[in-house]
C-alpha atoms as a PDB file:
ATOM      1  CA  MET A   1     -20.904  -5.539  22.621  1.00  0.00           C
ATOM      2  CA  GLU A   2     -17.286  -6.629  22.981  1.00  0.00           C
ATOM      3  CA  LYS A   3     -14.700  -4.381  21.375  1.00  0.00           C
ATOM      4  CA  LEU A   4     -12.714  -6.118  18.645  1.00  0.00           C
ATOM      5  CA  SER A   5      -8.937  -6.018  18.698  1.00  0.00           C
ATOM      6  CA  ASN A   6      -7.084  -3.981  16.091  1.00  0.00           C
ATOM      7  CA  ARG A   7      -5.855  -7.202  14.499  1.00  0.00           C
ATOM      8  CA  ALA A   8      -9.408  -8.621  14.298  1.00  0.00           C
ATOM      9  CA  ILE A   9     -10.796  -5.476  12.658  1.00  0.00           C
ATOM     10  CA  ILE A  10      -7.938  -5.348  10.144  1.00  0.00           C
ATOM     11  CA  SER A  11      -8.295  -9.060   9.401  1.00  0.00           C
ATOM     12  CA  ARG A  12     -12.048  -8.815   8.805  1.00  0.00           C
ATOM     13  CA  LEU A  13     -11.725  -5.805   6.528  1.00  0.00           C
ATOM     14  CA  TYR A  14      -8.844  -7.372   4.592  1.00  0.00           C
ATOM     15  CA  THR A  15     -10.788 -10.613   4.137  1.00  0.00           C
ATOM     16  CA  SER A  16     -13.777  -8.628   2.867  1.00  0.00           C
ATOM     17  CA  ALA A  17     -11.567  -6.722   0.398  1.00  0.00           C
ATOM     18  CA  GLU A  18      -9.917  -9.917  -0.853  1.00  0.00           C
ATOM     19  CA  HIS A  19     -13.337 -11.538  -1.307  1.00  0.00           C
ATOM     20  CA  GLN A  20     -14.576  -8.573  -3.354  1.00  0.00           C
ATOM     21  CA  LEU A  21     -11.483  -8.734  -5.553  1.00  0.00           C
ATOM     22  CA  GLU A  22     -12.001 -12.454  -6.127  1.00  0.00           C
ATOM     23  CA  GLU A  23     -15.649 -11.837  -7.014  1.00  0.00           C
ATOM     24  CA  ALA A  24     -14.605  -9.122  -9.470  1.00  0.00           C
ATOM     25  CA  ASN A  25     -12.406 -11.655 -11.300  1.00  0.00           C
ATOM     26  CA  ILE A  26      -9.611  -9.144 -11.796  1.00  0.00           C
ATOM     27  CA  GLU A  27      -7.605  -9.419 -15.004  1.00  0.00           C
ATOM     28  CA  LEU A  28      -3.974  -8.862 -14.136  1.00  0.00           C
ATOM     29  CA  ASP A  29      -2.987  -7.675 -17.606  1.00  0.00           C
ATOM     30  CA  SER A  30      -4.412  -4.219 -16.891  1.00  0.00           C
ATOM     31  CA  TRP A  31      -4.221  -1.997 -13.830  1.00  0.00           C
ATOM     32  CA  SER A  32      -7.556  -0.270 -14.449  1.00  0.00           C
ATOM     33  CA  HIS A  33      -9.928  -3.109 -13.497  1.00  0.00           C
ATOM     34  CA  TRP A  34      -7.990  -3.794 -10.287  1.00  0.00           C
ATOM     35  CA  TYR A  35      -7.779  -0.098  -9.445  1.00  0.00           C
ATOM     36  CA  ASN A  36     -11.419   0.684 -10.259  1.00  0.00           C
ATOM     37  CA  THR A  37     -12.656  -2.311  -8.276  1.00  0.00           C
ATOM     38  CA  LEU A  38     -10.714  -1.063  -5.270  1.00  0.00           C
ATOM     39  CA  GLN A  39     -12.235   2.413  -5.614  1.00  0.00           C
ATOM     40  CA  ALA A  40     -15.680   0.893  -4.937  1.00  0.00           C
ATOM     41  CA  PHE A  41     -14.552  -0.431  -1.526  1.00  0.00           C
ATOM     42  CA  THR A  42     -15.503   1.331   1.684  1.00  0.00           C
ATOM     43  CA  ILE A  43     -12.832   3.695   3.005  1.00  0.00           C
ATOM     44  CA  PRO A  44     -11.805   1.245   5.760  1.00  0.00           C
ATOM     45  CA  GLU A  45     -11.601  -1.689   3.307  1.00  0.00           C
ATOM     46  CA  LYS A  46      -9.514   0.313   0.866  1.00  0.00           C
ATOM     47  CA  MET A  47      -7.153   1.580   3.569  1.00  0.00           C
ATOM     48  CA  VAL A  48      -6.671  -1.870   5.042  1.00  0.00           C
ATOM     49  CA  TYR A  49      -6.137  -3.506   1.657  1.00  0.00           C
ATOM     50  CA  VAL A  50      -3.505  -1.065   0.393  1.00  0.00           C
ATOM     51  CA  LEU A  51      -1.649  -0.846   3.703  1.00  0.00           C
ATOM     52  CA  VAL A  52      -1.600  -4.596   4.297  1.00  0.00           C
ATOM     53  CA  LYS A  53      -0.480  -5.290   0.711  1.00  0.00           C
ATOM     54  CA  MET A  54       2.200  -2.611   0.977  1.00  0.00           C
ATOM     55  CA  ASN A  55       3.506  -4.026   4.244  1.00  0.00           C
ATOM     56  CA  GLN A  56       3.411  -7.619   2.953  1.00  0.00           C
ATOM     57  CA  THR A  57       5.327  -6.859  -0.232  1.00  0.00           C
ATOM     58  CA  VAL A  58       7.902  -4.553   1.363  1.00  0.00           C
ATOM     59  CA  THR A  59       8.472  -7.019   4.214  1.00  0.00           C
ATOM     60  CA  ASN A  60       8.784  -9.985   1.845  1.00  0.00           C
ATOM     61  CA  GLY A  61      10.774  -8.493  -1.022  1.00  0.00           C
ATOM     62  CA  GLY A  62      11.408  -4.846  -0.343  1.00  0.00           C
ATOM     63  CA  PHE A  63      10.439  -1.913  -2.479  1.00  0.00           C
ATOM     64  CA  VAL A  64      11.585  -3.755  -5.600  1.00  0.00           C
ATOM     65  CA  GLU A  65       8.803  -6.286  -5.032  1.00  0.00           C
ATOM     66  CA  PHE A  66       6.400  -3.502  -4.062  1.00  0.00           C
ATOM     67  CA  TYR A  67       6.809  -1.905  -7.477  1.00  0.00           C
ATOM     68  CA  GLU A  68       7.402  -4.983  -9.620  1.00  0.00           C
ATOM     69  CA  SER A  69       4.316  -6.728  -8.194  1.00  0.00           C
ATOM     70  CA  SER A  70       2.326  -3.656  -9.290  1.00  0.00           C
ATOM     71  CA  ILE A  71       1.126  -2.776  -5.770  1.00  0.00           C
ATOM     72  CA  GLY A  72       3.054   0.433  -6.419  1.00  0.00           C
ATOM     73  CA  ILE A  73       0.170   1.691  -8.565  1.00  0.00           C
ATOM     74  CA  PHE A  74      -1.511   2.429  -5.240  1.00  0.00           C
ATOM     75  CA  ALA A  75       1.428   4.448  -3.850  1.00  0.00           C
ATOM     76  CA  PRO A  76      -0.501   7.765  -3.868  1.00  0.00           C
ATOM     77  CA  GLU A  77      -3.406   6.148  -1.977  1.00  0.00           C
ATOM     78  CA  ILE A  78      -0.973   4.453   0.392  1.00  0.00           C
ATOM     79  CA  ILE A  79       0.738   7.757   1.175  1.00  0.00           C
ATOM     80  CA  HIS A  80      -2.653   9.350   1.847  1.00  0.00           C
ATOM     81  CA  ALA A  81      -3.760   6.452   4.086  1.00  0.00           C
ATOM     82  CA  LEU A  82      -0.467   6.497   6.000  1.00  0.00           C
ATOM     83  CA  ASN A  83      -0.834  10.215   6.650  1.00  0.00           C
ATOM     84  CA  GLN A  84      -4.425   9.697   7.814  1.00  0.00           C
ATOM     85  CA  ILE A  85      -3.321   7.161  10.430  1.00  0.00           C
ATOM     86  CA  ASN A  86      -0.382   9.361  11.499  1.00  0.00           C
ATOM     87  CA  ALA A  87       2.326   7.114  10.048  1.00  0.00           C
ATOM     88  CA  GLY A  88       4.241  10.066   8.632  1.00  0.00           C
ATOM     89  CA  ALA A  89       7.673   8.430   8.608  1.00  0.00           C
ATOM     90  CA  THR A  90       6.380   5.492   6.561  1.00  0.00           C
ATOM     91  CA  ALA A  91       4.519   7.864   4.232  1.00  0.00           C
ATOM     92  CA  GLU A  92       7.746   9.808   3.697  1.00  0.00           C
ATOM     93  CA  ILE A  93       9.631   6.643   2.728  1.00  0.00           C
ATOM     94  CA  ILE A  94       6.969   5.677   0.174  1.00  0.00           C
ATOM     95  CA  SER A  95       6.852   9.223  -1.157  1.00  0.00           C
ATOM     96  CA  ASN A  96      10.636   9.389  -1.537  1.00  0.00           C
ATOM     97  CA  SER A  97      10.701   6.038  -3.335  1.00  0.00           C
ATOM     98  CA  LEU A  98       8.456   7.511  -6.036  1.00  0.00           C
ATOM     99  CA  SER A  99      11.244   9.705  -7.377  1.00  0.00           C
ATOM    100  CA  ILE A 100      13.259   6.557  -8.141  1.00  0.00           C
ATOM    101  CA  VAL A 101      10.534   4.682 -10.007  1.00  0.00           C
ATOM    102  CA  ASN A 102       8.841   7.745 -11.465  1.00  0.00           C
ATOM    103  CA  PRO A 103      11.632  10.221 -12.292  1.00  0.00           C
ATOM    104  CA  ASN A 104       9.474  11.890 -14.959  1.00  0.00           C
ATOM    105  CA  GLY A 105       6.784  12.741 -12.398  1.00  0.00           C
ATOM    106  CA  PHE A 106       3.906  11.020 -14.176  1.00  0.00           C
ATOM    107  CA  LEU A 107       0.511  11.527 -12.530  1.00  0.00           C
ATOM    108  CA  ASP A 108      -2.758   9.617 -12.383  1.00  0.00           C
ATOM    109  CA  GLU A 109      -3.275   7.188 -15.273  1.00  0.00           C
ATOM    110  CA  SER A 110       0.139   7.886 -16.785  1.00  0.00           C
ATOM    111  CA  TYR A 111       1.758   7.016 -13.459  1.00  0.00           C
ATOM    112  CA  LYS A 112      -0.226   3.780 -13.177  1.00  0.00           C
ATOM    113  CA  ASP A 113       0.610   2.812 -16.786  1.00  0.00           C
ATOM    114  CA  HIS A 114       4.281   3.455 -16.074  1.00  0.00           C
ATOM    115  CA  VAL A 115       4.439   1.526 -12.800  1.00  0.00           C
ATOM    116  CA  PHE A 116       2.081  -1.359 -13.604  1.00  0.00           C
ATOM    117  CA  ASN A 117       4.623  -3.340 -15.643  1.00  0.00           C
ATOM    118  CA  ILE A 118       7.775  -1.588 -14.523  1.00  0.00           C
ATOM    119  CA  GLN A 119      11.143  -3.216 -15.137  1.00  0.00           C
ATOM    120  CA  LEU A 120      13.566  -1.723 -12.642  1.00  0.00           C
ATOM    121  CA  SER A 121      17.189  -1.129 -13.575  1.00  0.00           C
ATOM    122  CA  GLU A 122      19.994  -2.322 -11.320  1.00  0.00           C
ATOM    123  CA  GLN A 123      20.574   1.294 -10.284  1.00  0.00           C
ATOM    124  CA  GLN A 124      16.907   1.695  -9.309  1.00  0.00           C
ATOM    125  CA  ARG A 125      17.030  -1.595  -7.376  1.00  0.00           C
ATOM    126  CA  ALA A 126      20.078  -0.425  -5.447  1.00  0.00           C
ATOM    127  CA  GLN A 127      18.456   2.917  -4.676  1.00  0.00           C
ATOM    128  CA  LEU A 128      15.246   1.232  -3.515  1.00  0.00           C
ATOM    129  CA  TYR A 129      17.254  -1.016  -1.214  1.00  0.00           C
ATOM    130  CA  THR A 130      18.149   2.044   0.875  1.00  0.00           C
ATOM    131  CA  PHE A 131      14.416   2.519   1.486  1.00  0.00           C
ATOM    132  CA  ASP A 132      14.118  -1.125   2.550  1.00  0.00           C
ATOM    133  CA  ILE A 133      16.653  -0.389   5.278  1.00  0.00           C
ATOM    134  CA  ARG A 134      14.823   2.766   6.364  1.00  0.00           C
ATOM    135  CA  TYR A 135      11.507   0.873   6.411  1.00  0.00           C
ATOM    136  CA  ASP A 136      13.023  -1.877   8.561  1.00  0.00           C
ATOM    137  CA  GLN A 137      14.396   0.734  10.965  1.00  0.00           C
ATOM    138  CA  LEU A 138      10.849   1.942  11.664  1.00  0.00           C
ATOM    139  CA  HIS A 139      10.096  -1.346  13.447  1.00  0.00           C
ATOM    140  CA  GLY A 140       9.112  -0.407  16.968  1.00  0.00           C
ATOM    141  CA  LEU A 141       8.886   3.297  16.147  1.00  0.00           C
ATOM    142  CA  GLU A 142       5.811   3.368  13.934  1.00  0.00           C
ATOM    143  CA  ASN A 143       3.566   0.348  14.459  1.00  0.00           C
ATOM    144  CA  LEU A 144       1.244   0.276  11.452  1.00  0.00           C
ATOM    145  CA  GLU A 145      -1.120  -2.277  13.005  1.00  0.00           C
ATOM    146  CA  ASP A 146      -1.637  -0.098  16.084  1.00  0.00           C
ATOM    147  CA  LEU A 147      -1.961   3.111  14.077  1.00  0.00           C
ATOM    148  CA  LEU A 148      -4.338   1.618  11.502  1.00  0.00           C
ATOM    149  CA  GLY A 149      -6.324  -0.239  14.145  1.00  0.00           C
ATOM    150  CA  GLY A 150      -6.685   2.885  16.272  1.00  0.00           C
ATOM    151  CA  PHE A 151      -7.836   4.884  13.257  1.00  0.00           C
ATOM    152  CA  LEU A 152     -10.360   2.186  12.346  1.00  0.00           C
ATOM    153  CA  GLN A 153     -11.641   1.921  15.936  1.00  0.00           C
ATOM    154  CA  ASP A 154     -12.382   5.669  15.861  1.00  0.00           C
ATOM    155  CA  TYR A 155     -13.735   5.628  12.312  1.00  0.00           C
ATOM    156  CA  LEU A 156     -16.084   2.686  12.830  1.00  0.00           C
ATOM    157  CA  ASN A 157     -17.484   3.875  16.167  1.00  0.00           C
END
C-alpha cells in the first residue's frame, strides 16, 4: 500500500472532523455542544481539527481572531497536542497567550465560559499582537504540518 503524504493524512482527518461537526448540527450559542462533539472524535481527528483551526485563525487574524472566534476554548487541548507532536515553541506561545485572555486563571468549564464570547480590550489586543509576531517568526523553525504529519504517520501505523 502506498504511503500517504503528511498533507493527505491531515486533509482526510480534517475533512472527517468537519463532516462530523456538520452532522452534529452544532449550535454556536453555546461552547458545550461543540466541545463535547469534538471529544467524541478519534485522537488523530481531534488533534488535526484543533491544530488546523488554530493555525488558520492565527494566520488569518492573529490571536485576537483565535480567541474572538471561540477556537480559544480549545487552547488547553491545543497546547497538549502541540507538545505531543514536539512543537514546544508553538505550545509555549499559546500557553503564554492564556495569561492575557484568562488573567483570573479560570479552569475547565469556567475557562470555556469566559473565553467563548470574550470581548478583548484594546490592551489585550495589543498584548496578543506580540504573540502574532512570535508565531510568525516560527515559520521555517517549527513546521506544524511536518510535525503533525510525522506524529500521525507513527500513530496510524
